[in-house]
Amino acid sequence: MQAGKKTQTTRLKDPRVKVGGVYSVRRSWYKKENFGKIRILSKERTTLAHYTRADLRREGYAEKEAFIEALERINNEKISLRTPVWKVIFQYMTS
């Protein structure tokens, strides 16, 4: 993994992506410009209690507490280690 590249995303609701699928990505929901494509490597339902250090690194975090705080801020709701989440691992596609 390249430094500074996020390769995992966590969602509270089932993301409508399929393993093996290629999707355009953008930096903001409001800006319609795409900046690249990703291929979905895996998608699984789990809880944050099962997140490993590798999961946190793919998310761009060193500590689970900081990651949960960010997830709460993004989703505007309280999240515990038992909260069900969707973990999606992806790779960036080259042109």
C-alpha atoms as a PDB file:
ATOM      1  CA  MET A   1       0.000   0.000   0.000  1.00  0.00           C
ATOM      2  CA  GLN A   2       1.281   3.448  -0.861  1.00  0.00           C
ATOM      3  CA  ALA A   3       1.648   5.871   2.031  1.00  0.00           C
ATOM      4  CA  GLY A   4      -1.414   8.055   2.479  1.00  0.00           C
ATOM      5  CA  LYS A   5      -3.658   5.861   0.349  1.00  0.00           C
ATOM      6  CA  LYS A   6      -6.875   4.699   1.969  1.00  0.00           C
ATOM      7  CA  THR A   7      -7.730   1.161   0.880  1.00  0.00           C
ATOM      8  CA  GLN A   8     -10.683   0.353   3.125  1.00  0.00           C
ATOM      9  CA  THR A   9     -13.966   2.029   3.927  1.00  0.00           C
ATOM     10  CA  THR A  10     -16.467   1.355   6.691  1.00  0.00           C
ATOM     11  CA  ARG A  11     -20.194   1.878   6.251  1.00  0.00           C
ATOM     12  CA  LEU A  12     -23.120   1.519   8.634  1.00  0.00           C
ATOM     13  CA  LYS A  13     -25.492   0.608   5.809  1.00  0.00           C
ATOM     14  CA  ASP A  14     -24.924  -2.052   3.168  1.00  0.00           C
ATOM     15  CA  PRO A  15     -22.917  -0.382   0.392  1.00  0.00           C
ATOM     16  CA  ARG A  16     -24.266  -1.274  -3.017  1.00  0.00           C
ATOM     17  CA  VAL A  17     -21.016  -2.641  -4.389  1.00  0.00           C
ATOM     18  CA  LYS A  18     -20.024  -6.122  -5.517  1.00  0.00           C
ATOM     19  CA  VAL A  19     -16.748  -7.896  -4.926  1.00  0.00           C
ATOM     20  CA  GLY A  20     -14.759  -7.661  -8.170  1.00  0.00           C
ATOM     21  CA  GLY A  21     -16.723  -4.628  -9.334  1.00  0.00           C
ATOM     22  CA  VAL A  22     -14.965  -1.464 -10.542  1.00  0.00           C
ATOM     23  CA  TYR A  23     -16.391   1.883  -9.404  1.00  0.00           C
ATOM     24  CA  SER A  24     -15.626   5.557  -9.963  1.00  0.00           C
ATOM     25  CA  VAL A  25     -14.766   7.504  -6.822  1.00  0.00           C
ATOM     26  CA  ARG A  26     -14.908  11.175  -5.910  1.00  0.00           C
ATOM     27  CA  ARG A  27     -13.609  13.246  -3.030  1.00  0.00           C
ATOM     28  CA  SER A  28     -16.988  14.713  -2.095  1.00  0.00           C
ATOM     29  CA  TRP A  29     -20.603  13.611  -2.364  1.00  0.00           C
ATOM     30  CA  TYR A  30     -21.510  17.097  -3.586  1.00  0.00           C
ATOM     31  CA  LYS A  31     -18.826  17.437  -6.260  1.00  0.00           C
ATOM     32  CA  LYS A  32     -19.604  15.226  -9.219  1.00  0.00           C
ATOM     33  CA  GLU A  33     -16.031  15.065 -10.559  1.00  0.00           C
ATOM     34  CA  ASN A  34     -14.442  11.619 -10.357  1.00  0.00           C
ATOM     35  CA  PHE A  35     -10.772  11.305  -9.504  1.00  0.00           C
ATOM     36  CA  GLY A  36     -10.224   7.612 -10.181  1.00  0.00           C
ATOM     37  CA  LYS A  37     -11.535   4.086 -10.047  1.00  0.00           C
ATOM     38  CA  ILE A  38     -11.362   1.330  -7.474  1.00  0.00           C
ATOM     39  CA  ARG A  39     -11.867  -2.446  -7.604  1.00  0.00           C
ATOM     40  CA  ILE A  40     -13.674  -4.031  -4.653  1.00  0.00           C
ATOM     41  CA  LEU A  41     -11.571  -6.832  -3.157  1.00  0.00           C
ATOM     42  CA  SER A  42     -13.822  -7.824  -0.256  1.00  0.00           C
ATOM     43  CA  LYS A  43     -17.014  -6.818   1.515  1.00  0.00           C
ATOM     44  CA  GLU A  44     -18.084  -8.210   4.865  1.00  0.00           C
ATOM     45  CA  ARG A  45     -20.488  -7.546   7.721  1.00  0.00           C
ATOM     46  CA  THR A  46     -18.672  -7.348  11.057  1.00  0.00           C
ATOM     47  CA  THR A  47     -18.305  -5.194  14.172  1.00  0.00           C
ATOM     48  CA  LEU A  48     -15.604  -2.717  15.124  1.00  0.00           C
ATOM     49  CA  ALA A  49     -14.548  -5.087  17.925  1.00  0.00           C
ATOM     50  CA  HIS A  50     -13.148  -7.360  15.189  1.00  0.00           C
ATOM     51  CA  TYR A  51     -11.100  -4.617  13.484  1.00  0.00           C
ATOM     52  CA  THR A  52      -7.372  -5.334  13.443  1.00  0.00           C
ATOM     53  CA  ARG A  53      -4.418  -2.969  13.257  1.00  0.00           C
ATOM     54  CA  ALA A  54      -4.289  -3.753   9.535  1.00  0.00           C
ATOM     55  CA  ASP A  55      -7.922  -2.624   9.189  1.00  0.00           C
ATOM     56  CA  LEU A  56      -7.114   0.631  10.954  1.00  0.00           C
ATOM     57  CA  ARG A  57      -4.062   1.225   8.718  1.00  0.00           C
ATOM     58  CA  ARG A  58      -6.172   0.622   5.584  1.00  0.00           C
ATOM     59  CA  GLU A  59      -8.645   3.185   6.969  1.00  0.00           C
ATOM     60  CA  GLY A  60      -5.806   5.646   7.574  1.00  0.00           C
ATOM     61  CA  TYR A  61      -5.787   5.512  11.392  1.00  0.00           C
ATOM     62  CA  ALA A  62      -3.291   4.314  14.007  1.00  0.00           C
ATOM     63  CA  GLU A  63      -5.725   4.071  16.937  1.00  0.00           C
ATOM     64  CA  LYS A  64      -9.182   2.506  17.115  1.00  0.00           C
ATOM     65  CA  GLU A  65     -10.481   5.305  19.370  1.00  0.00           C
ATOM     66  CA  ALA A  66      -9.614   7.998  16.807  1.00  0.00           C
ATOM     67  CA  PHE A  67     -11.221   5.947  14.043  1.00  0.00           C
ATOM     68  CA  ILE A  68     -14.451   5.495  16.028  1.00  0.00           C
ATOM     69  CA  GLU A  69     -14.561   9.230  16.825  1.00  0.00           C
ATOM     70  CA  ALA A  70     -14.239  10.036  13.114  1.00  0.00           C
ATOM     71  CA  LEU A  71     -16.903   7.460  12.201  1.00  0.00           C
ATOM     72  CA  GLU A  72     -19.265   8.982  14.777  1.00  0.00           C
ATOM     73  CA  ARG A  73     -18.626  12.475  13.409  1.00  0.00           C
ATOM     74  CA  ILE A  74     -19.186  11.367   9.796  1.00  0.00           C
ATOM     75  CA  ASN A  75     -22.395   9.472  10.615  1.00  0.00           C
ATOM     76  CA  ASN A  76     -23.640  11.846  13.318  1.00  0.00           C
ATOM     77  CA  GLU A  77     -24.430   9.029  15.725  1.00  0.00           C
ATOM     78  CA  LYS A  78     -22.898   7.164  18.654  1.00  0.00           C
ATOM     79  CA  ILE A  79     -21.011   4.016  17.644  1.00  0.00           C
ATOM     80  CA  SER A  80     -19.768   1.222  19.913  1.00  0.00           C
ATOM     81  CA  LEU A  81     -17.463  -1.727  19.339  1.00  0.00           C
ATOM     82  CA  ARG A  82     -20.608  -3.871  18.936  1.00  0.00           C
ATOM     83  CA  THR A  83     -22.175  -1.672  16.245  1.00  0.00           C
ATOM     84  CA  PRO A  84     -22.677  -3.745  13.070  1.00  0.00           C
ATOM     85  CA  VAL A  85     -20.727  -2.285  10.143  1.00  0.00           C
ATOM     86  CA  TRP A  86     -19.777  -3.134   6.572  1.00  0.00           C
ATOM     87  CA  LYS A  87     -16.041  -3.363   5.883  1.00  0.00           C
ATOM     88  CA  VAL A  88     -15.086  -2.864   2.231  1.00  0.00           C
ATOM     89  CA  ILE A  89     -11.488  -3.357   1.100  1.00  0.00           C
ATOM     90  CA  PHE A  90     -10.511  -2.001  -2.303  1.00  0.00           C
ATOM     91  CA  GLN A  91      -7.564  -1.241  -4.561  1.00  0.00           C
ATOM     92  CA  TYR A  92      -6.979   1.805  -6.714  1.00  0.00           C
ATOM     93  CA  MET A  93      -6.991   1.138 -10.446  1.00  0.00           C
ATOM     94  CA  THR A  94      -4.282   2.526 -12.685  1.00  0.00           C
ATOM     95  CA  SER A  95      -5.267   4.083 -15.990  1.00  0.00           C
END
